[in-house]
Amino acid sequence: MKRTQAAVLATALQSRYWGVPEAEVVLASWRASGLSLVGFAERHGLVVSRLDRWKARLRDRGVAVRFHRVAVVEPAVRPRSSASQSVDVVSRNGRRVRVRQGFDAAHLEAVVRAIESWPC
């Protein structure tokens, strides 16, 4: 009989060893939770580096990168000087990058990919 995702998650959270199926369920649960990686780890008593290792291992196996929808929100009051306009980008792991107007989008993408891959 095939175990449900909830049963696999419950077992994985208690286990010292994960196989690919358990890691996939844990990471899918983390993504669905909307929590940061650190927040999910704290909630479930997991070590963040364990989640990071599995995230990298599964990504290296050809698991597709998932993009998330974002909403661009205009500030209620616009700054008077266009030179002072900036955007804060917060990664899933909670790291923040502030970019000013006129930034190079390709460079920002490379920076965000780099910080997403860093262990905590």
PDB file of N, CA and C in Angstrom:
ATOM      1  N   MET A   1       0.845  -1.188   0.000  1.00  0.00           N
ATOM      2  CA  MET A   1       0.000   0.000   0.000  1.00  0.00           C
ATOM      3  C   MET A   1       0.886   1.245   0.000  1.00  0.00           C
ATOM      4  N   LYS A   2       0.574   2.186  -0.853  1.00  0.00           N
ATOM      5  CA  LYS A   2       1.372   3.398  -0.980  1.00  0.00           C
ATOM      6  C   LYS A   2       1.073   4.360   0.172  1.00  0.00           C
ATOM      7  N   ARG A   3       2.140   4.861   0.795  1.00  0.00           N
ATOM      8  CA  ARG A   3       1.966   5.802   1.907  1.00  0.00           C
ATOM      9  C   ARG A   3       1.566   7.182   1.389  1.00  0.00           C
ATOM     10  N   THR A   4       0.773   7.885   2.162  1.00  0.00           N
ATOM     11  CA  THR A   4       0.370   9.233   1.781  1.00  0.00           C
ATOM     12  C   THR A   4       1.525  10.191   2.000  1.00  0.00           C
ATOM     13  N   GLN A   5       1.431  11.356   1.365  1.00  0.00           N
ATOM     14  CA  GLN A   5       2.472  12.369   1.521  1.00  0.00           C
ATOM     15  C   GLN A   5       2.595  12.780   2.988  1.00  0.00           C
ATOM     16  N   ALA A   6       1.475  12.919   3.682  1.00  0.00           N
ATOM     17  CA  ALA A   6       1.514  13.300   5.102  1.00  0.00           C
ATOM     18  C   ALA A   6       2.230  12.244   5.936  1.00  0.00           C
ATOM     19  N   ALA A   7       2.000  10.969   5.619  1.00  0.00           N
ATOM     20  CA  ALA A   7       2.666   9.889   6.359  1.00  0.00           C
ATOM     21  C   ALA A   7       4.163   9.891   6.079  1.00  0.00           C
ATOM     22  N   VAL A   8       4.538  10.109   4.819  1.00  0.00           N
ATOM     23  CA  VAL A   8       5.958  10.166   4.460  1.00  0.00           C
ATOM     24  C   VAL A   8       6.618  11.348   5.158  1.00  0.00           C
ATOM     25  N   LEU A   9       5.931  12.497   5.186  1.00  0.00           N
ATOM     26  CA  LEU A   9       6.475  13.676   5.853  1.00  0.00           C
ATOM     27  C   LEU A   9       6.664  13.413   7.340  1.00  0.00           C
ATOM     28  N   ALA A  10       5.660  12.850   7.992  1.00  0.00           N
ATOM     29  CA  ALA A  10       5.758  12.576   9.428  1.00  0.00           C
ATOM     30  C   ALA A  10       6.923  11.634   9.728  1.00  0.00           C
ATOM     31  N   THR A  11       7.081  10.607   8.914  1.00  0.00           N
ATOM     32  CA  THR A  11       8.185   9.658   9.098  1.00  0.00           C
ATOM     33  C   THR A  11       9.527  10.342   8.858  1.00  0.00           C
ATOM     34  N   ALA A  12       9.612  11.133   7.798  1.00  0.00           N
ATOM     35  CA  ALA A  12      10.868  11.809   7.455  1.00  0.00           C
ATOM     36  C   ALA A  12      11.296  12.785   8.547  1.00  0.00           C
ATOM     37  N   LEU A  13      10.334  13.496   9.128  1.00  0.00           N
ATOM     38  CA  LEU A  13      10.673  14.471  10.159  1.00  0.00           C
ATOM     39  C   LEU A  13      11.262  13.806  11.399  1.00  0.00           C
ATOM     40  N   GLN A  14      10.950  12.536  11.617  1.00  0.00           N
ATOM     41  CA  GLN A  14      11.458  11.807  12.775  1.00  0.00           C
ATOM     42  C   GLN A  14      12.720  11.009  12.461  1.00  0.00           C
ATOM     43  N   SER A  15      13.070  10.897  11.195  1.00  0.00           N
ATOM     44  CA  SER A  15      14.149  10.007  10.774  1.00  0.00           C
ATOM     45  C   SER A  15      15.493  10.727  10.679  1.00  0.00           C
ATOM     46  N   ARG A  16      16.542   9.970  10.971  1.00  0.00           N
ATOM     47  CA  ARG A  16      17.899  10.503  10.806  1.00  0.00           C
ATOM     48  C   ARG A  16      18.377  10.337   9.373  1.00  0.00           C
ATOM     49  N   TYR A  17      17.734   9.474   8.607  1.00  0.00           N
ATOM     50  CA  TYR A  17      18.128   9.210   7.226  1.00  0.00           C
ATOM     51  C   TYR A  17      16.946   9.460   6.299  1.00  0.00           C
ATOM     52  N   TRP A  18      17.213  10.181   5.203  1.00  0.00           N
ATOM     53  CA  TRP A  18      16.203  10.373   4.176  1.00  0.00           C
ATOM     54  C   TRP A  18      16.709   9.784   2.869  1.00  0.00           C
ATOM     55  N   GLY A  19      15.820   9.137   2.169  1.00  0.00           N
ATOM     56  CA  GLY A  19      16.074   8.775   0.784  1.00  0.00           C
ATOM     57  C   GLY A  19      15.484   9.877  -0.080  1.00  0.00           C
ATOM     58  N   VAL A  20      15.611   9.732  -1.374  1.00  0.00           N
ATOM     59  CA  VAL A  20      15.092  10.737  -2.307  1.00  0.00           C
ATOM     60  C   VAL A  20      13.592  10.977  -2.114  1.00  0.00           C
ATOM     61  N   PRO A  21      12.762   9.921  -1.981  1.00  0.00           N
ATOM     62  CA  PRO A  21      11.323  10.181  -1.833  1.00  0.00           C
ATOM     63  C   PRO A  21      10.995  11.019  -0.593  1.00  0.00           C
ATOM     64  N   GLU A  22      11.664  10.720   0.524  1.00  0.00           N
ATOM     65  CA  GLU A  22      11.405  11.482   1.753  1.00  0.00           C
ATOM     66  C   GLU A  22      11.850  12.934   1.596  1.00  0.00           C
ATOM     67  N   ALA A  23      13.039  13.123   1.021  1.00  0.00           N
ATOM     68  CA  ALA A  23      13.548  14.483   0.835  1.00  0.00           C
ATOM     69  C   ALA A  23      12.645  15.281  -0.098  1.00  0.00           C
ATOM     70  N   GLU A  24      12.160  14.650  -1.160  1.00  0.00           N
ATOM     71  CA  GLU A  24      11.256  15.352  -2.079  1.00  0.00           C
ATOM     72  C   GLU A  24       9.984  15.793  -1.373  1.00  0.00           C
ATOM     73  N   VAL A  25       9.438  14.927  -0.501  1.00  0.00           N
ATOM     74  CA  VAL A  25       8.217  15.273   0.230  1.00  0.00           C
ATOM     75  C   VAL A  25       8.486  16.402   1.218  1.00  0.00           C
ATOM     76  N   VAL A  26       9.607  16.340   1.924  1.00  0.00           N
ATOM     77  CA  VAL A  26       9.940  17.393   2.897  1.00  0.00           C
ATOM     78  C   VAL A  26      10.122  18.723   2.176  1.00  0.00           C
ATOM     79  N   LEU A  27      10.870  18.725   1.071  1.00  0.00           N
ATOM     80  CA  LEU A  27      11.094  19.978   0.347  1.00  0.00           C
ATOM     81  C   LEU A  27       9.816  20.499  -0.299  1.00  0.00           C
ATOM     82  N   ALA A  28       8.965  19.611  -0.787  1.00  0.00           N
ATOM     83  CA  ALA A  28       7.675  20.048  -1.343  1.00  0.00           C
ATOM     84  C   ALA A  28       6.816  20.666  -0.242  1.00  0.00           C
ATOM     85  N   SER A  29       6.862  20.075   0.948  1.00  0.00           N
ATOM     86  CA  SER A  29       6.100  20.623   2.078  1.00  0.00           C
ATOM     87  C   SER A  29       6.637  21.987   2.480  1.00  0.00           C
ATOM     88  N   TRP A  30       7.965  22.129   2.455  1.00  0.00           N
ATOM     89  CA  TRP A  30       8.567  23.435   2.769  1.00  0.00           C
ATOM     90  C   TRP A  30       8.098  24.473   1.751  1.00  0.00           C
ATOM     91  N   ARG A  31       8.177  24.144   0.457  1.00  0.00           N
ATOM     92  CA  ARG A  31       7.774  25.117  -0.569  1.00  0.00           C
ATOM     93  C   ARG A  31       6.299  25.485  -0.434  1.00  0.00           C
ATOM     94  N   ALA A  32       5.462  24.503  -0.139  1.00  0.00           N
ATOM     95  CA  ALA A  32       4.023  24.758  -0.008  1.00  0.00           C
ATOM     96  C   ALA A  32       3.699  25.551   1.250  1.00  0.00           C
ATOM     97  N   SER A  33       4.589  25.498   2.237  1.00  0.00           N
ATOM     98  CA  SER A  33       4.313  26.171   3.517  1.00  0.00           C
ATOM     99  C   SER A  33       4.390  27.689   3.413  1.00  0.00           C
ATOM    100  N   GLY A  34       5.149  28.196   2.448  1.00  0.00           N
ATOM    101  CA  GLY A  34       5.333  29.639   2.341  1.00  0.00           C
ATOM    102  C   GLY A  34       6.339  30.186   3.336  1.00  0.00           C
ATOM    103  N   LEU A  35       6.929  29.317   4.142  1.00  0.00           N
ATOM    104  CA  LEU A  35       7.920  29.737   5.126  1.00  0.00           C
ATOM    105  C   LEU A  35       9.297  29.822   4.485  1.00  0.00           C
ATOM    106  N   SER A  36      10.169  30.585   5.119  1.00  0.00           N
ATOM    107  CA  SER A  36      11.569  30.553   4.709  1.00  0.00           C
ATOM    108  C   SER A  36      12.125  29.187   5.073  1.00  0.00           C
ATOM    109  N   LEU A  37      13.258  28.846   4.513  1.00  0.00           N
ATOM    110  CA  LEU A  37      13.885  27.567   4.826  1.00  0.00           C
ATOM    111  C   LEU A  37      14.191  27.487   6.320  1.00  0.00           C
ATOM    112  N   VAL A  38      14.678  28.579   6.875  1.00  0.00           N
ATOM    113  CA  VAL A  38      14.998  28.630   8.304  1.00  0.00           C
ATOM    114  C   VAL A  38      13.723  28.478   9.136  1.00  0.00           C
ATOM    115  N   GLY A  39      12.669  29.175   8.755  1.00  0.00           N
ATOM    116  CA  GLY A  39      11.403  29.084   9.484  1.00  0.00           C
ATOM    117  C   GLY A  39      10.826  27.684   9.463  1.00  0.00           C
ATOM    118  N   PHE A  40      10.878  27.033   8.296  1.00  0.00           N
ATOM    119  CA  PHE A  40      10.379  25.659   8.176  1.00  0.00           C
ATOM    120  C   PHE A  40      11.209  24.725   9.042  1.00  0.00           C
ATOM    121  N   ALA A  41      12.532  24.877   8.988  1.00  0.00           N
ATOM    122  CA  ALA A  41      13.418  24.022   9.790  1.00  0.00           C
ATOM    123  C   ALA A  41      13.132  24.195  11.279  1.00  0.00           C
ATOM    124  N   GLU A  42      12.979  25.436  11.715  1.00  0.00           N
ATOM    125  CA  GLU A  42      12.695  25.681  13.136  1.00  0.00           C
ATOM    126  C   GLU A  42      11.355  25.081  13.538  1.00  0.00           C
ATOM    127  N   ARG A  43      10.349  25.238  12.703  1.00  0.00           N
ATOM    128  CA  ARG A  43       9.016  24.726  13.019  1.00  0.00           C
ATOM    129  C   ARG A  43       9.017  23.208  13.190  1.00  0.00           C
ATOM    130  N   HIS A  44       9.848  22.524  12.397  1.00  0.00           N
ATOM    131  CA  HIS A  44       9.832  21.065  12.402  1.00  0.00           C
ATOM    132  C   HIS A  44      11.040  20.432  13.088  1.00  0.00           C
ATOM    133  N   GLY A  45      11.866  21.264  13.731  1.00  0.00           N
ATOM    134  CA  GLY A  45      13.017  20.727  14.454  1.00  0.00           C
ATOM    135  C   GLY A  45      14.080  20.133  13.547  1.00  0.00           C
ATOM    136  N   LEU A  46      14.254  20.714  12.369  1.00  0.00           N
ATOM    137  CA  LEU A  46      15.245  20.222  11.410  1.00  0.00           C
ATOM    138  C   LEU A  46      16.456  21.147  11.380  1.00  0.00           C
ATOM    139  N   VAL A  47      17.557  20.621  10.898  1.00  0.00           N
ATOM    140  CA  VAL A  47      18.768  21.412  10.715  1.00  0.00           C
ATOM    141  C   VAL A  47      18.730  21.999   9.303  1.00  0.00           C
ATOM    142  N   VAL A  48      18.925  23.310   9.203  1.00  0.00           N
ATOM    143  CA  VAL A  48      18.822  23.998   7.916  1.00  0.00           C
ATOM    144  C   VAL A  48      19.804  23.421   6.900  1.00  0.00           C
ATOM    145  N   SER A  49      21.009  23.081   7.336  1.00  0.00           N
ATOM    146  CA  SER A  49      22.005  22.570   6.388  1.00  0.00           C
ATOM    147  C   SER A  49      21.545  21.259   5.752  1.00  0.00           C
ATOM    148  N   ARG A  50      20.773  20.470   6.488  1.00  0.00           N
ATOM    149  CA  ARG A  50      20.243  19.227   5.921  1.00  0.00           C
ATOM    150  C   ARG A  50      19.285  19.532   4.765  1.00  0.00           C
ATOM    151  N   LEU A  51      18.425  20.510   4.974  1.00  0.00           N
ATOM    152  CA  LEU A  51      17.501  20.911   3.915  1.00  0.00           C
ATOM    153  C   LEU A  51      18.261  21.492   2.724  1.00  0.00           C
ATOM    154  N   ASP A  52      19.275  22.314   3.005  1.00  0.00           N
ATOM    155  CA  ASP A  52      20.086  22.896   1.936  1.00  0.00           C
ATOM    156  C   ASP A  52      20.782  21.821   1.106  1.00  0.00           C
ATOM    157  N   ARG A  53      21.344  20.817   1.780  1.00  0.00           N
ATOM    158  CA  ARG A  53      22.033  19.743   1.065  1.00  0.00           C
ATOM    159  C   ARG A  53      21.071  18.991   0.145  1.00  0.00           C
ATOM    160  N   TRP A  54      19.889  18.671   0.674  1.00  0.00           N
ATOM    161  CA  TRP A  54      18.923  17.949  -0.154  1.00  0.00           C
ATOM    162  C   TRP A  54      18.401  18.816  -1.290  1.00  0.00           C
ATOM    163  N   LYS A  55      18.222  20.083  -1.024  1.00  0.00           N
ATOM    164  CA  LYS A  55      17.763  20.996  -2.079  1.00  0.00           C
ATOM    165  C   LYS A  55      18.784  21.008  -3.220  1.00  0.00           C
ATOM    166  N   ALA A  56      20.069  21.103  -2.883  1.00  0.00           N
ATOM    167  CA  ALA A  56      21.120  21.097  -3.900  1.00  0.00           C
ATOM    168  C   ALA A  56      21.207  19.738  -4.587  1.00  0.00           C
ATOM    169  N   ARG A  57      21.112  18.663  -3.815  1.00  0.00           N
ATOM    170  CA  ARG A  57      21.219  17.318  -4.389  1.00  0.00           C
ATOM    171  C   ARG A  57      20.090  17.060  -5.385  1.00  0.00           C
ATOM    172  N   LEU A  58      18.879  17.442  -5.030  1.00  0.00           N
ATOM    173  CA  LEU A  58      17.743  17.221  -5.932  1.00  0.00           C
ATOM    174  C   LEU A  58      17.814  18.134  -7.143  1.00  0.00           C
ATOM    175  N   ARG A  59      18.308  19.332  -6.950  1.00  0.00           N
ATOM    176  CA  ARG A  59      18.464  20.262  -8.075  1.00  0.00           C
ATOM    177  C   ARG A  59      19.486  19.688  -9.054  1.00  0.00           C
ATOM    178  N   ASP A  60      20.563  19.100  -8.516  1.00  0.00           N
ATOM    179  CA  ASP A  60      21.599  18.512  -9.372  1.00  0.00           C
ATOM    180  C   ASP A  60      21.086  17.293 -10.125  1.00  0.00           C
ATOM    181  N   ARG A  61      20.032  16.653  -9.637  1.00  0.00           N
ATOM    182  CA  ARG A  61      19.468  15.484 -10.307  1.00  0.00           C
ATOM    183  C   ARG A  61      18.549  15.885 -11.457  1.00  0.00           C
ATOM    184  N   GLY A  62      18.417  17.170 -11.702  1.00  0.00           N
ATOM    185  CA  GLY A  62      17.591  17.608 -12.821  1.00  0.00           C
ATOM    186  C   GLY A  62      16.187  18.003 -12.413  1.00  0.00           C
ATOM    187  N   VAL A  63      15.947  18.144 -11.111  1.00  0.00           N
ATOM    188  CA  VAL A  63      14.643  18.617 -10.683  1.00  0.00           C
ATOM    189  C   VAL A  63      14.511  20.062 -11.149  1.00  0.00           C
ATOM    190  N   ALA A  64      13.436  20.363 -11.796  1.00  0.00           N
ATOM    191  CA  ALA A  64      13.251  21.680 -12.393  1.00  0.00           C
ATOM    192  C   ALA A  64      13.251  22.779 -11.335  1.00  0.00           C
ATOM    193  N   VAL A  65      13.841  23.899 -11.691  1.00  0.00           N
ATOM    194  CA  VAL A  65      13.821  25.070 -10.824  1.00  0.00           C
ATOM    195  C   VAL A  65      12.413  25.628 -10.848  1.00  0.00           C
ATOM    196  N   ARG A  66      11.902  25.955  -9.682  1.00  0.00           N
ATOM    197  CA  ARG A  66      10.550  26.515  -9.610  1.00  0.00           C
ATOM    198  C   ARG A  66      10.634  28.013  -9.421  1.00  0.00           C
ATOM    199  N   PHE A  67       9.916  28.726 -10.250  1.00  0.00           N
ATOM    200  CA  PHE A  67       9.848  30.164 -10.114  1.00  0.00           C
ATOM    201  C   PHE A  67       8.559  30.511  -9.388  1.00  0.00           C
ATOM    202  N   HIS A  68       8.606  31.575  -8.626  1.00  0.00           N
ATOM    203  CA  HIS A  68       7.449  31.984  -7.841  1.00  0.00           C
ATOM    204  C   HIS A  68       6.951  33.329  -8.342  1.00  0.00           C
ATOM    205  N   ARG A  69       5.641  33.463  -8.354  1.00  0.00           N
ATOM    206  CA  ARG A  69       5.052  34.734  -8.745  1.00  0.00           C
ATOM    207  C   ARG A  69       5.381  35.773  -7.678  1.00  0.00           C
ATOM    208  N   VAL A  70       5.605  36.981  -8.121  1.00  0.00           N
ATOM    209  CA  VAL A  70       5.837  38.078  -7.195  1.00  0.00           C
ATOM    210  C   VAL A  70       4.901  39.216  -7.562  1.00  0.00           C
ATOM    211  N   ALA A  71       4.614  40.021  -6.604  1.00  0.00           N
ATOM    212  CA  ALA A  71       3.799  41.212  -6.854  1.00  0.00           C
ATOM    213  C   ALA A  71       4.686  42.425  -6.624  1.00  0.00           C
ATOM    214  N   VAL A  72       4.731  43.307  -7.600  1.00  0.00           N
ATOM    215  CA  VAL A  72       5.492  44.538  -7.455  1.00  0.00           C
ATOM    216  C   VAL A  72       4.548  45.564  -6.847  1.00  0.00           C
ATOM    217  N   VAL A  73       4.941  46.075  -5.713  1.00  0.00           N
ATOM    218  CA  VAL A  73       4.092  47.004  -4.978  1.00  0.00           C
ATOM    219  C   VAL A  73       4.721  48.389  -5.024  1.00  0.00           C
ATOM    220  N   GLU A  74       3.959  49.335  -5.481  1.00  0.00           N
ATOM    221  CA  GLU A  74       4.432  50.714  -5.516  1.00  0.00           C
ATOM    222  C   GLU A  74       4.382  51.293  -4.108  1.00  0.00           C
ATOM    223  N   PRO A  75       5.383  52.072  -3.725  1.00  0.00           N
ATOM    224  CA  PRO A  75       5.338  52.692  -2.392  1.00  0.00           C
ATOM    225  C   PRO A  75       4.189  53.697  -2.312  1.00  0.00           C
ATOM    226  N   ALA A  76       3.644  53.860  -1.111  1.00  0.00           N
ATOM    227  CA  ALA A  76       2.533  54.791  -0.909  1.00  0.00           C
ATOM    228  C   ALA A  76       2.980  56.220  -1.226  1.00  0.00           C
ATOM    229  N   VAL A  77       4.207  56.563  -0.847  1.00  0.00           N
ATOM    230  CA  VAL A  77       4.749  57.893  -1.114  1.00  0.00           C
ATOM    231  C   VAL A  77       6.037  57.698  -1.894  1.00  0.00           C
ATOM    232  N   ARG A  78       6.111  58.279  -3.052  1.00  0.00           N
ATOM    233  CA  ARG A  78       7.310  58.131  -3.867  1.00  0.00           C
ATOM    234  C   ARG A  78       8.391  59.079  -3.354  1.00  0.00           C
ATOM    235  N   PRO A  79       9.631  58.622  -3.327  1.00  0.00           N
ATOM    236  CA  PRO A  79      10.718  59.520  -2.923  1.00  0.00           C
ATOM    237  C   PRO A  79      10.850  60.672  -3.906  1.00  0.00           C
ATOM    238  N   ARG A  80      11.305  61.806  -3.416  1.00  0.00           N
ATOM    239  CA  ARG A  80      11.420  62.983  -4.281  1.00  0.00           C
ATOM    240  C   ARG A  80      12.570  62.854  -5.271  1.00  0.00           C
ATOM    241  N   SER A  81      13.646  62.267  -4.859  1.00  0.00           N
ATOM    242  CA  SER A  81      14.809  62.144  -5.727  1.00  0.00           C
ATOM    243  C   SER A  81      14.823  60.765  -6.378  1.00  0.00           C
ATOM    244  N   SER A  82      14.914  60.731  -7.703  1.00  0.00           N
ATOM    245  CA  SER A  82      14.944  59.436  -8.383  1.00  0.00           C
ATOM    246  C   SER A  82      16.233  58.684  -8.064  1.00  0.00           C
ATOM    247  N   ALA A  83      17.281  59.390  -7.645  1.00  0.00           N
ATOM    248  CA  ALA A  83      18.547  58.742  -7.308  1.00  0.00           C
ATOM    249  C   ALA A  83      18.421  57.891  -6.050  1.00  0.00           C
ATOM    250  N   SER A  84      17.434  58.205  -5.192  1.00  0.00           N
ATOM    251  CA  SER A  84      17.309  57.465  -3.940  1.00  0.00           C
ATOM    252  C   SER A  84      16.371  56.261  -4.066  1.00  0.00           C
ATOM    253  N   GLN A  85      15.789  56.030  -5.241  1.00  0.00           N
ATOM    254  CA  GLN A  85      14.867  54.906  -5.404  1.00  0.00           C
ATOM    255  C   GLN A  85      15.641  53.599  -5.398  1.00  0.00           C
ATOM    256  N   SER A  86      15.115  52.650  -4.648  1.00  0.00           N
ATOM    257  CA  SER A  86      15.744  51.331  -4.603  1.00  0.00           C
ATOM    258  C   SER A  86      14.667  50.279  -4.429  1.00  0.00           C
ATOM    259  N   VAL A  87      15.062  49.031  -4.665  1.00  0.00           N
ATOM    260  CA  VAL A  87      14.175  47.889  -4.517  1.00  0.00           C
ATOM    261  C   VAL A  87      14.888  46.892  -3.625  1.00  0.00           C
ATOM    262  N   ASP A  88      14.164  46.338  -2.654  1.00  0.00           N
ATOM    263  CA  ASP A  88      14.709  45.272  -1.822  1.00  0.00           C
ATOM    264  C   ASP A  88      14.214  43.940  -2.357  1.00  0.00           C
ATOM    265  N   VAL A  89      15.143  43.026  -2.582  1.00  0.00           N
ATOM    266  CA  VAL A  89      14.818  41.674  -3.016  1.00  0.00           C
ATOM    267  C   VAL A  89      15.134  40.767  -1.842  1.00  0.00           C
ATOM    268  N   VAL A  90      14.121  40.007  -1.370  1.00  0.00           N
ATOM    269  CA  VAL A  90      14.319  39.102  -0.249  1.00  0.00           C
ATOM    270  C   VAL A  90      14.236  37.674  -0.785  1.00  0.00           C
ATOM    271  N   SER A  91      15.309  36.919  -0.579  1.00  0.00           N
ATOM    272  CA  SER A  91      15.352  35.549  -1.081  1.00  0.00           C
ATOM    273  C   SER A  91      14.555  34.631  -0.165  1.00  0.00           C
ATOM    274  N   ARG A  92      14.317  33.396  -0.645  1.00  0.00           N
ATOM    275  CA  ARG A  92      13.568  32.426   0.151  1.00  0.00           C
ATOM    276  C   ARG A  92      14.254  32.134   1.475  1.00  0.00           C
ATOM    277  N   ASN A  93      15.583  32.229   1.514  1.00  0.00           N
ATOM    278  CA  ASN A  93      16.277  31.930   2.761  1.00  0.00           C
ATOM    279  C   ASN A  93      16.418  33.166   3.641  1.00  0.00           C
ATOM    280  N   GLY A  94      15.744  34.265   3.278  1.00  0.00           N
ATOM    281  CA  GLY A  94      15.683  35.444   4.128  1.00  0.00           C
ATOM    282  C   GLY A  94      16.773  36.474   3.880  1.00  0.00           C
ATOM    283  N   ARG A  95      17.684  36.193   2.987  1.00  0.00           N
ATOM    284  CA  ARG A  95      18.734  37.178   2.700  1.00  0.00           C
ATOM    285  C   ARG A  95      18.142  38.294   1.854  1.00  0.00           C
ATOM    286  N   ARG A  96      18.647  39.506   2.074  1.00  0.00           N
ATOM    287  CA  ARG A  96      18.089  40.695   1.422  1.00  0.00           C
ATOM    288  C   ARG A  96      19.156  41.363   0.555  1.00  0.00           C
ATOM    289  N   VAL A  97      18.750  41.747  -0.656  1.00  0.00           N
ATOM    290  CA  VAL A  97      19.619  42.483  -1.566  1.00  0.00           C
ATOM    291  C   VAL A  97      18.892  43.773  -1.922  1.00  0.00           C
ATOM    292  N   ARG A  98      19.549  44.896  -1.766  1.00  0.00           N
ATOM    293  CA  ARG A  98      18.954  46.177  -2.142  1.00  0.00           C
ATOM    294  C   ARG A  98      19.639  46.676  -3.411  1.00  0.00           C
ATOM    295  N   VAL A  99      18.839  46.980  -4.411  1.00  0.00           N
ATOM    296  CA  VAL A  99      19.382  47.485  -5.670  1.00  0.00           C
ATOM    297  C   VAL A  99      18.794  48.854  -5.952  1.00  0.00           C
ATOM    298  N   ARG A 100      19.617  49.697  -6.510  1.00  0.00           N
ATOM    299  CA  ARG A 100      19.185  51.050  -6.848  1.00  0.00           C
ATOM    300  C   ARG A 100      18.746  51.104  -8.310  1.00  0.00           C
ATOM    301  N   GLN A 101      18.058  52.163  -8.628  1.00  0.00           N
ATOM    302  CA  GLN A 101      17.563  52.366  -9.980  1.00  0.00           C
ATOM    303  C   GLN A 101      18.724  52.280 -10.973  1.00  0.00           C
ATOM    304  N   GLY A 102      18.481  51.585 -12.090  1.00  0.00           N
ATOM    305  CA  GLY A 102      19.499  51.460 -13.113  1.00  0.00           C
ATOM    306  C   GLY A 102      20.379  50.230 -12.951  1.00  0.00           C
ATOM    307  N   PHE A 103      20.016  49.307 -12.049  1.00  0.00           N
ATOM    308  CA  PHE A 103      20.825  48.105 -11.839  1.00  0.00           C
ATOM    309  C   PHE A 103      20.803  47.220 -13.072  1.00  0.00           C
ATOM    310  N   ASP A 104      21.811  46.368 -13.178  1.00  0.00           N
ATOM    311  CA  ASP A 104      21.909  45.410 -14.279  1.00  0.00           C
ATOM    312  C   ASP A 104      21.142  44.149 -13.891  1.00  0.00           C
ATOM    313  N   ALA A 105      20.072  43.828 -14.605  1.00  0.00           N
ATOM    314  CA  ALA A 105      19.203  42.699 -14.255  1.00  0.00           C
ATOM    315  C   ALA A 105      19.948  41.368 -14.295  1.00  0.00           C
ATOM    316  N   ALA A 106      20.825  41.183 -15.253  1.00  0.00           N
ATOM    317  CA  ALA A 106      21.579  39.920 -15.341  1.00  0.00           C
ATOM    318  C   ALA A 106      22.498  39.766 -14.136  1.00  0.00           C
ATOM    319  N   HIS A 107      23.104  40.863 -13.727  1.00  0.00           N
ATOM    320  CA  HIS A 107      23.983  40.817 -12.551  1.00  0.00           C
ATOM    321  C   HIS A 107      23.169  40.504 -11.293  1.00  0.00           C
ATOM    322  N   LEU A 108      22.005  41.115 -11.153  1.00  0.00           N
ATOM    323  CA  LEU A 108      21.144  40.844 -10.004  1.00  0.00           C
ATOM    324  C   LEU A 108      20.737  39.375  -9.985  1.00  0.00           C
ATOM    325  N   GLU A 109      20.387  38.825 -11.151  1.00  0.00           N
ATOM    326  CA  GLU A 109      20.004  37.418 -11.210  1.00  0.00           C
ATOM    327  C   GLU A 109      21.149  36.530 -10.736  1.00  0.00           C
ATOM    328  N   ALA A 110      22.368  36.836 -11.155  1.00  0.00           N
ATOM    329  CA  ALA A 110      23.528  36.044 -10.742  1.00  0.00           C
ATOM    330  C   ALA A 110      23.740  36.149  -9.234  1.00  0.00           C
ATOM    331  N   VAL A 111      23.556  37.347  -8.685  1.00  0.00           N
ATOM    332  CA  VAL A 111      23.717  37.538  -7.233  1.00  0.00           C
ATOM    333  C   VAL A 111      22.669  36.752  -6.478  1.00  0.00           C
ATOM    334  N   VAL A 112      21.409  36.823  -6.899  1.00  0.00           N
ATOM    335  CA  VAL A 112      20.332  36.115  -6.200  1.00  0.00           C
ATOM    336  C   VAL A 112      20.546  34.607  -6.285  1.00  0.00           C
ATOM    337  N   ARG A 113      20.930  34.090  -7.442  1.00  0.00           N
ATOM    338  CA  ARG A 113      21.210  32.650  -7.566  1.00  0.00           C
ATOM    339  C   ARG A 113      22.344  32.241  -6.616  1.00  0.00           C
ATOM    340  N   ALA A 114      23.344  33.091  -6.509  1.00  0.00           N
ATOM    341  CA  ALA A 114      24.477  32.780  -5.621  1.00  0.00           C
ATOM    342  C   ALA A 114      24.034  32.737  -4.157  1.00  0.00           C
ATOM    343  N   ILE A 115      23.274  33.736  -3.711  1.00  0.00           N
ATOM    344  CA  ILE A 115      22.898  33.742  -2.303  1.00  0.00           C
ATOM    345  C   ILE A 115      21.880  32.660  -1.975  1.00  0.00           C
ATOM    346  N   GLU A 116      21.080  32.249  -2.969  1.00  0.00           N
ATOM    347  CA  GLU A 116      20.142  31.148  -2.736  1.00  0.00           C
ATOM    348  C   GLU A 116      20.882  29.824  -2.528  1.00  0.00           C
ATOM    349  N   SER A 117      22.070  29.715  -3.102  1.00  0.00           N
ATOM    350  CA  SER A 117      22.814  28.458  -2.991  1.00  0.00           C
ATOM    351  C   SER A 117      23.679  28.390  -1.741  1.00  0.00           C
ATOM    352  N   TRP A 118      23.840  29.510  -1.014  1.00  0.00           N
ATOM    353  CA  TRP A 118      24.687  29.514   0.175  1.00  0.00           C
ATOM    354  C   TRP A 118      24.008  28.763   1.317  1.00  0.00           C
ATOM    355  N   PRO A 119      24.763  27.942   2.027  1.00  0.00           N
ATOM    356  CA  PRO A 119      24.206  27.381   3.260  1.00  0.00           C
ATOM    357  C   PRO A 119      24.129  28.485   4.305  1.00  0.00           C
ATOM    358  N   CYS A 120      23.273  28.324   5.273  1.00  0.00           N
ATOM    359  CA  CYS A 120      23.121  29.361   6.301  1.00  0.00           C
ATOM    360  C   CYS A 120      24.333  29.521   7.146  1.00  0.00           C
TER     361      CYS A 120
END
